[in-house]
Amino acid sequence: MLPPRTDPRWTALIERPDNHTYEFLALRILMQRVALKARRGVERADQDAMADEVYGFFQKNQTLMVNDISTLFG
């Protein structure tokens, strides 16, 4: 089960996307894009938008990402 979007782990995932290894290929690609943006530096509003995008991706694909969800959120 996914934690709510208000959980601080979503922001941490955006701030440090390279801290994890992702099994699901589409998630890996998304997080590489997030990491690229994070390295360039993003403002708080952009960071929130990225976290919303990642959260939406997790919601839509959670049945395919059971292992990644378990690893990231216990």
PDB file of N, CA and C in Angstrom:
ATOM      1  N   MET A   1       0.836  -1.183   0.000  1.00  0.00           N
ATOM      2  CA  MET A   1       0.000   0.000   0.000  1.00  0.00           C
ATOM      3  C   MET A   1       0.882   1.247   0.000  1.00  0.00           C
ATOM      4  N   LEU A   2       0.468   2.222  -0.778  1.00  0.00           N
ATOM      5  CA  LEU A   2       1.233   3.461  -0.879  1.00  0.00           C
ATOM      6  C   LEU A   2       0.954   4.380   0.297  1.00  0.00           C
ATOM      7  N   PRO A   3       2.003   5.049   0.772  1.00  0.00           N
ATOM      8  CA  PRO A   3       1.771   6.075   1.795  1.00  0.00           C
ATOM      9  C   PRO A   3       1.058   7.268   1.137  1.00  0.00           C
ATOM     10  N   PRO A   4       0.362   8.072   1.915  1.00  0.00           N
ATOM     11  CA  PRO A   4      -0.320   9.241   1.329  1.00  0.00           C
ATOM     12  C   PRO A   4       0.689  10.221   0.731  1.00  0.00           C
ATOM     13  N   ARG A   5       0.217  11.032  -0.177  1.00  0.00           N
ATOM     14  CA  ARG A   5       1.098  12.000  -0.850  1.00  0.00           C
ATOM     15  C   ARG A   5       1.742  12.965   0.140  1.00  0.00           C
ATOM     16  N   THR A   6       1.140  13.166   1.282  1.00  0.00           N
ATOM     17  CA  THR A   6       1.673  14.081   2.287  1.00  0.00           C
ATOM     18  C   THR A   6       2.836  13.473   3.081  1.00  0.00           C
ATOM     19  N   ASP A   7       3.105  12.198   2.893  1.00  0.00           N
ATOM     20  CA  ASP A   7       4.206  11.526   3.590  1.00  0.00           C
ATOM     21  C   ASP A   7       5.542  12.140   3.129  1.00  0.00           C
ATOM     22  N   PRO A   8       6.412  12.492   4.052  1.00  0.00           N
ATOM     23  CA  PRO A   8       7.685  13.132   3.679  1.00  0.00           C
ATOM     24  C   PRO A   8       8.619  12.239   2.856  1.00  0.00           C
ATOM     25  N   ARG A   9       8.357  10.958   2.813  1.00  0.00           N
ATOM     26  CA  ARG A   9       9.201  10.066   2.003  1.00  0.00           C
ATOM     27  C   ARG A   9       9.084  10.356   0.517  1.00  0.00           C
ATOM     28  N   TRP A  10       7.954  10.933   0.088  1.00  0.00           N
ATOM     29  CA  TRP A  10       7.823  11.301  -1.329  1.00  0.00           C
ATOM     30  C   TRP A  10       8.780  12.434  -1.670  1.00  0.00           C
ATOM     31  N   THR A  11       8.869  13.418  -0.813  1.00  0.00           N
ATOM     32  CA  THR A  11       9.799  14.524  -1.040  1.00  0.00           C
ATOM     33  C   THR A  11      11.237  14.026  -0.983  1.00  0.00           C
ATOM     34  N   ALA A  12      11.534  13.144  -0.050  1.00  0.00           N
ATOM     35  CA  ALA A  12      12.882  12.577   0.056  1.00  0.00           C
ATOM     36  C   ALA A  12      13.241  11.807  -1.209  1.00  0.00           C
ATOM     37  N   LEU A  13      12.270  11.112  -1.782  1.00  0.00           N
ATOM     38  CA  LEU A  13      12.504  10.360  -3.010  1.00  0.00           C
ATOM     39  C   LEU A  13      12.862  11.298  -4.155  1.00  0.00           C
ATOM     40  N   ILE A  14      12.245  12.463  -4.197  1.00  0.00           N
ATOM     41  CA  ILE A  14      12.534  13.451  -5.226  1.00  0.00           C
ATOM     42  C   ILE A  14      13.882  14.128  -4.970  1.00  0.00           C
ATOM     43  N   GLU A  15      14.191  14.396  -3.730  1.00  0.00           N
ATOM     44  CA  GLU A  15      15.447  15.081  -3.401  1.00  0.00           C
ATOM     45  C   GLU A  15      16.660  14.173  -3.609  1.00  0.00           C
ATOM     46  N   ARG A  16      16.482  12.886  -3.394  1.00  0.00           N
ATOM     47  CA  ARG A  16      17.595  11.935  -3.522  1.00  0.00           C
ATOM     48  C   ARG A  16      17.176  10.713  -4.341  1.00  0.00           C
ATOM     49  N   PRO A  17      16.866  10.915  -5.624  1.00  0.00           N
ATOM     50  CA  PRO A  17      16.367   9.806  -6.440  1.00  0.00           C
ATOM     51  C   PRO A  17      17.416   8.730  -6.720  1.00  0.00           C
ATOM     52  N   ASP A  18      18.683   9.081  -6.606  1.00  0.00           N
ATOM     53  CA  ASP A  18      19.748   8.119  -6.897  1.00  0.00           C
ATOM     54  C   ASP A  18      20.056   7.195  -5.720  1.00  0.00           C
ATOM     55  N   ASN A  19      19.389   7.383  -4.589  1.00  0.00           N
ATOM     56  CA  ASN A  19      19.662   6.572  -3.407  1.00  0.00           C
ATOM     57  C   ASN A  19      19.090   5.164  -3.506  1.00  0.00           C
ATOM     58  N   HIS A  20      18.345   4.877  -4.551  1.00  0.00           N
ATOM     59  CA  HIS A  20      17.671   3.591  -4.663  1.00  0.00           C
ATOM     60  C   HIS A  20      17.940   2.950  -6.012  1.00  0.00           C
ATOM     61  N   THR A  21      17.759   1.639  -6.062  1.00  0.00           N
ATOM     62  CA  THR A  21      17.783   0.888  -7.308  1.00  0.00           C
ATOM     63  C   THR A  21      16.347   0.480  -7.589  1.00  0.00           C
ATOM     64  N   TYR A  22      15.888   0.711  -8.799  1.00  0.00           N
ATOM     65  CA  TYR A  22      14.502   0.455  -9.149  1.00  0.00           C
ATOM     66  C   TYR A  22      14.414  -0.740 -10.082  1.00  0.00           C
ATOM     67  N   GLU A  23      13.502  -1.668  -9.793  1.00  0.00           N
ATOM     68  CA  GLU A  23      13.321  -2.858 -10.619  1.00  0.00           C
ATOM     69  C   GLU A  23      12.477  -2.574 -11.859  1.00  0.00           C
ATOM     70  N   PHE A  24      11.386  -1.841 -11.683  1.00  0.00           N
ATOM     71  CA  PHE A  24      10.449  -1.580 -12.768  1.00  0.00           C
ATOM     72  C   PHE A  24      11.089  -0.595 -13.741  1.00  0.00           C
ATOM     73  N   LEU A  25      11.248  -0.998 -15.003  1.00  0.00           N
ATOM     74  CA  LEU A  25      11.987  -0.209 -15.980  1.00  0.00           C
ATOM     75  C   LEU A  25      11.409   1.196 -16.165  1.00  0.00           C
ATOM     76  N   ALA A  26      10.115   1.304 -16.294  1.00  0.00           N
ATOM     77  CA  ALA A  26       9.507   2.625 -16.488  1.00  0.00           C
ATOM     78  C   ALA A  26       9.767   3.534 -15.284  1.00  0.00           C
ATOM     79  N   LEU A  27       9.769   2.969 -14.095  1.00  0.00           N
ATOM     80  CA  LEU A  27      10.088   3.751 -12.891  1.00  0.00           C
ATOM     81  C   LEU A  27      11.544   4.183 -12.918  1.00  0.00           C
ATOM     82  N   ARG A  28      12.414   3.294 -13.336  1.00  0.00           N
ATOM     83  CA  ARG A  28      13.839   3.626 -13.431  1.00  0.00           C
ATOM     84  C   ARG A  28      14.049   4.814 -14.366  1.00  0.00           C
ATOM     85  N   ILE A  29      13.356   4.799 -15.506  1.00  0.00           N
ATOM     86  CA  ILE A  29      13.482   5.887 -16.475  1.00  0.00           C
ATOM     87  C   ILE A  29      12.932   7.191 -15.895  1.00  0.00           C
ATOM     88  N   LEU A  30      11.768   7.123 -15.255  1.00  0.00           N
ATOM     89  CA  LEU A  30      11.181   8.308 -14.627  1.00  0.00           C
ATOM     90  C   LEU A  30      12.130   8.885 -13.579  1.00  0.00           C
ATOM     91  N   MET A  31      12.692   8.048 -12.751  1.00  0.00           N
ATOM     92  CA  MET A  31      13.554   8.530 -11.679  1.00  0.00           C
ATOM     93  C   MET A  31      14.888   9.059 -12.221  1.00  0.00           C
ATOM     94  N   GLN A  32      15.340   8.571 -13.373  1.00  0.00           N
ATOM     95  CA  GLN A  32      16.531   9.146 -13.995  1.00  0.00           C
ATOM     96  C   GLN A  32      16.249  10.573 -14.442  1.00  0.00           C
ATOM     97  N   ARG A  33      15.045  10.794 -14.973  1.00  0.00           N
ATOM     98  CA  ARG A  33      14.649  12.145 -15.373  1.00  0.00           C
ATOM     99  C   ARG A  33      14.539  13.058 -14.157  1.00  0.00           C
ATOM    100  N   VAL A  34      13.962  12.540 -13.081  1.00  0.00           N
ATOM    101  CA  VAL A  34      13.855  13.307 -11.834  1.00  0.00           C
ATOM    102  C   VAL A  34      15.251  13.644 -11.305  1.00  0.00           C
ATOM    103  N   ALA A  35      16.158  12.672 -11.345  1.00  0.00           N
ATOM    104  CA  ALA A  35      17.522  12.888 -10.863  1.00  0.00           C
ATOM    105  C   ALA A  35      18.221  13.972 -11.679  1.00  0.00           C
ATOM    106  N   LEU A  36      18.009  13.955 -12.976  1.00  0.00           N
ATOM    107  CA  LEU A  36      18.606  14.975 -13.843  1.00  0.00           C
ATOM    108  C   LEU A  36      18.105  16.364 -13.469  1.00  0.00           C
ATOM    109  N   LYS A  37      16.807  16.488 -13.240  1.00  0.00           N
ATOM    110  CA  LYS A  37      16.246  17.772 -12.821  1.00  0.00           C
ATOM    111  C   LYS A  37      16.765  18.177 -11.445  1.00  0.00           C
ATOM    112  N   ALA A  38      16.860  17.216 -10.545  1.00  0.00           N
ATOM    113  CA  ALA A  38      17.323  17.506  -9.182  1.00  0.00           C
ATOM    114  C   ALA A  38      18.760  18.008  -9.193  1.00  0.00           C
ATOM    115  N   ARG A  39      19.591  17.443 -10.048  1.00  0.00           N
ATOM    116  CA  ARG A  39      20.992  17.881 -10.127  1.00  0.00           C
ATOM    117  C   ARG A  39      21.102  19.310 -10.627  1.00  0.00           C
ATOM    118  N   ARG A  40      20.181  19.715 -11.482  1.00  0.00           N
ATOM    119  CA  ARG A  40      20.194  21.085 -12.011  1.00  0.00           C
ATOM    120  C   ARG A  40      19.704  22.086 -10.977  1.00  0.00           C
ATOM    121  N   GLY A  41      19.023  21.577  -9.976  1.00  0.00           N
ATOM    122  CA  GLY A  41      18.458  22.439  -8.945  1.00  0.00           C
ATOM    123  C   GLY A  41      17.037  22.831  -9.313  1.00  0.00           C
ATOM    124  N   VAL A  42      16.142  22.600  -8.394  1.00  0.00           N
ATOM    125  CA  VAL A  42      14.742  22.931  -8.648  1.00  0.00           C
ATOM    126  C   VAL A  42      14.185  23.738  -7.486  1.00  0.00           C
ATOM    127  N   GLU A  43      13.224  24.565  -7.802  1.00  0.00           N
ATOM    128  CA  GLU A  43      12.541  25.342  -6.770  1.00  0.00           C
ATOM    129  C   GLU A  43      11.519  24.455  -6.081  1.00  0.00           C
ATOM    130  N   ARG A  44      11.040  24.916  -4.943  1.00  0.00           N
ATOM    131  CA  ARG A  44      10.087  24.136  -4.130  1.00  0.00           C
ATOM    132  C   ARG A  44       8.828  23.774  -4.922  1.00  0.00           C
ATOM    133  N   ALA A  45       8.285  24.702  -5.703  1.00  0.00           N
ATOM    134  CA  ALA A  45       7.072  24.430  -6.475  1.00  0.00           C
ATOM    135  C   ALA A  45       7.324  23.342  -7.512  1.00  0.00           C
ATOM    136  N   ASP A  46       8.496  23.396  -8.153  1.00  0.00           N
ATOM    137  CA  ASP A  46       8.847  22.369  -9.137  1.00  0.00           C
ATOM    138  C   ASP A  46       9.041  21.021  -8.454  1.00  0.00           C
ATOM    139  N   GLN A  47       9.624  21.047  -7.281  1.00  0.00           N
ATOM    140  CA  GLN A  47       9.844  19.822  -6.517  1.00  0.00           C
ATOM    141  C   GLN A  47       8.504  19.181  -6.142  1.00  0.00           C
ATOM    142  N   ASP A  48       7.551  20.002  -5.739  1.00  0.00           N
ATOM    143  CA  ASP A  48       6.216  19.497  -5.411  1.00  0.00           C
ATOM    144  C   ASP A  48       5.543  18.908  -6.647  1.00  0.00           C
ATOM    145  N   ALA A  49       5.694  19.558  -7.785  1.00  0.00           N
ATOM    146  CA  ALA A  49       5.108  19.057  -9.033  1.00  0.00           C
ATOM    147  C   ALA A  49       5.729  17.717  -9.411  1.00  0.00           C
ATOM    148  N   MET A  50       7.044  17.591  -9.241  1.00  0.00           N
ATOM    149  CA  MET A  50       7.713  16.320  -9.535  1.00  0.00           C
ATOM    150  C   MET A  50       7.238  15.227  -8.580  1.00  0.00           C
ATOM    151  N   ALA A  51       7.081  15.561  -7.316  1.00  0.00           N
ATOM    152  CA  ALA A  51       6.590  14.581  -6.338  1.00  0.00           C
ATOM    153  C   ALA A  51       5.166  14.159  -6.686  1.00  0.00           C
ATOM    154  N   ASP A  52       4.341  15.089  -7.150  1.00  0.00           N
ATOM    155  CA  ASP A  52       2.978  14.759  -7.575  1.00  0.00           C
ATOM    156  C   ASP A  52       3.008  13.804  -8.769  1.00  0.00           C
ATOM    157  N   GLU A  53       3.906  14.071  -9.706  1.00  0.00           N
ATOM    158  CA  GLU A  53       4.031  13.215 -10.885  1.00  0.00           C
ATOM    159  C   GLU A  53       4.470  11.802 -10.490  1.00  0.00           C
ATOM    160  N   VAL A  54       5.463  11.712  -9.627  1.00  0.00           N
ATOM    161  CA  VAL A  54       5.956  10.406  -9.190  1.00  0.00           C
ATOM    162  C   VAL A  54       4.875   9.662  -8.410  1.00  0.00           C
ATOM    163  N   TYR A  55       4.179  10.374  -7.545  1.00  0.00           N
ATOM    164  CA  TYR A  55       3.096   9.755  -6.777  1.00  0.00           C
ATOM    165  C   TYR A  55       2.004   9.225  -7.713  1.00  0.00           C
ATOM    166  N   GLY A  56       1.617  10.013  -8.699  1.00  0.00           N
ATOM    167  CA  GLY A  56       0.618   9.577  -9.674  1.00  0.00           C
ATOM    168  C   GLY A  56       1.069   8.352 -10.440  1.00  0.00           C
ATOM    169  N   PHE A  57       2.351   8.320 -10.792  1.00  0.00           N
ATOM    170  CA  PHE A  57       2.911   7.166 -11.490  1.00  0.00           C
ATOM    171  C   PHE A  57       2.824   5.921 -10.610  1.00  0.00           C
ATOM    172  N   PHE A  58       3.179   6.069  -9.348  1.00  0.00           N
ATOM    173  CA  PHE A  58       3.090   4.943  -8.415  1.00  0.00           C
ATOM    174  C   PHE A  58       1.645   4.469  -8.279  1.00  0.00           C
ATOM    175  N   GLN A  59       0.716   5.405  -8.163  1.00  0.00           N
ATOM    176  CA  GLN A  59      -0.692   5.033  -8.026  1.00  0.00           C
ATOM    177  C   GLN A  59      -1.176   4.241  -9.231  1.00  0.00           C
ATOM    178  N   LYS A  60      -0.820   4.710 -10.419  1.00  0.00           N
ATOM    179  CA  LYS A  60      -1.299   4.082 -11.643  1.00  0.00           C
ATOM    180  C   LYS A  60      -0.681   2.694 -11.863  1.00  0.00           C
ATOM    181  N   ASN A  61       0.545   2.515 -11.417  1.00  0.00           N
ATOM    182  CA  ASN A  61       1.277   1.285 -11.718  1.00  0.00           C
ATOM    183  C   ASN A  61       1.594   0.431 -10.495  1.00  0.00           C
ATOM    184  N   GLN A  62       0.922   0.658  -9.396  1.00  0.00           N
ATOM    185  CA  GLN A  62       1.314  -0.013  -8.158  1.00  0.00           C
ATOM    186  C   GLN A  62       1.240  -1.536  -8.229  1.00  0.00           C
ATOM    187  N   THR A  63       0.359  -2.095  -9.049  1.00  0.00           N
ATOM    188  CA  THR A  63       0.297  -3.551  -9.145  1.00  0.00           C
ATOM    189  C   THR A  63       1.521  -4.127  -9.852  1.00  0.00           C
ATOM    190  N   LEU A  64       2.187  -3.308 -10.654  1.00  0.00           N
ATOM    191  CA  LEU A  64       3.386  -3.748 -11.368  1.00  0.00           C
ATOM    192  C   LEU A  64       4.671  -3.467 -10.587  1.00  0.00           C
ATOM    193  N   MET A  65       4.552  -2.659  -9.548  1.00  0.00           N
ATOM    194  CA  MET A  65       5.735  -2.195  -8.830  1.00  0.00           C
ATOM    195  C   MET A  65       5.741  -2.650  -7.373  1.00  0.00           C
ATOM    196  N   VAL A  66       5.202  -3.798  -7.097  1.00  0.00           N
ATOM    197  CA  VAL A  66       5.091  -4.278  -5.719  1.00  0.00           C
ATOM    198  C   VAL A  66       6.461  -4.339  -5.044  1.00  0.00           C
ATOM    199  N   ASN A  67       7.455  -4.850  -5.737  1.00  0.00           N
ATOM    200  CA  ASN A  67       8.795  -4.959  -5.137  1.00  0.00           C
ATOM    201  C   ASN A  67       9.404  -3.600  -4.863  1.00  0.00           C
ATOM    202  N   ASP A  68       9.267  -2.677  -5.800  1.00  0.00           N
ATOM    203  CA  ASP A  68       9.809  -1.330  -5.592  1.00  0.00           C
ATOM    204  C   ASP A  68       9.106  -0.627  -4.440  1.00  0.00           C
ATOM    205  N   ILE A  69       7.798  -0.756  -4.363  1.00  0.00           N
ATOM    206  CA  ILE A  69       7.043  -0.134  -3.276  1.00  0.00           C
ATOM    207  C   ILE A  69       7.464  -0.714  -1.938  1.00  0.00           C
ATOM    208  N   SER A  70       7.626  -2.012  -1.898  1.00  0.00           N
ATOM    209  CA  SER A  70       8.046  -2.663  -0.661  1.00  0.00           C
ATOM    210  C   SER A  70       9.437  -2.202  -0.240  1.00  0.00           C
ATOM    211  N   THR A  71      10.337  -2.089  -1.187  1.00  0.00           N
ATOM    212  CA  THR A  71      11.700  -1.649  -0.896  1.00  0.00           C
ATOM    213  C   THR A  71      11.738  -0.200  -0.422  1.00  0.00           C
ATOM    214  N   LEU A  72      10.997   0.668  -1.086  1.00  0.00           N
ATOM    215  CA  LEU A  72      11.027   2.096  -0.788  1.00  0.00           C
ATOM    216  C   LEU A  72      10.255   2.476   0.474  1.00  0.00           C
ATOM    217  N   PHE A  73       9.128   1.808   0.687  1.00  0.00           N
ATOM    218  CA  PHE A  73       8.230   2.247   1.754  1.00  0.00           C
ATOM    219  C   PHE A  73       7.972   1.192   2.815  1.00  0.00           C
ATOM    220  N   GLY A  74       8.593   0.033   2.661  1.00  0.00           N
ATOM    221  CA  GLY A  74       8.448  -1.006   3.688  1.00  0.00           C
ATOM    222  C   GLY A  74       7.132  -1.581   3.665  1.00  0.00           C
TER     223      GLY A  74
END
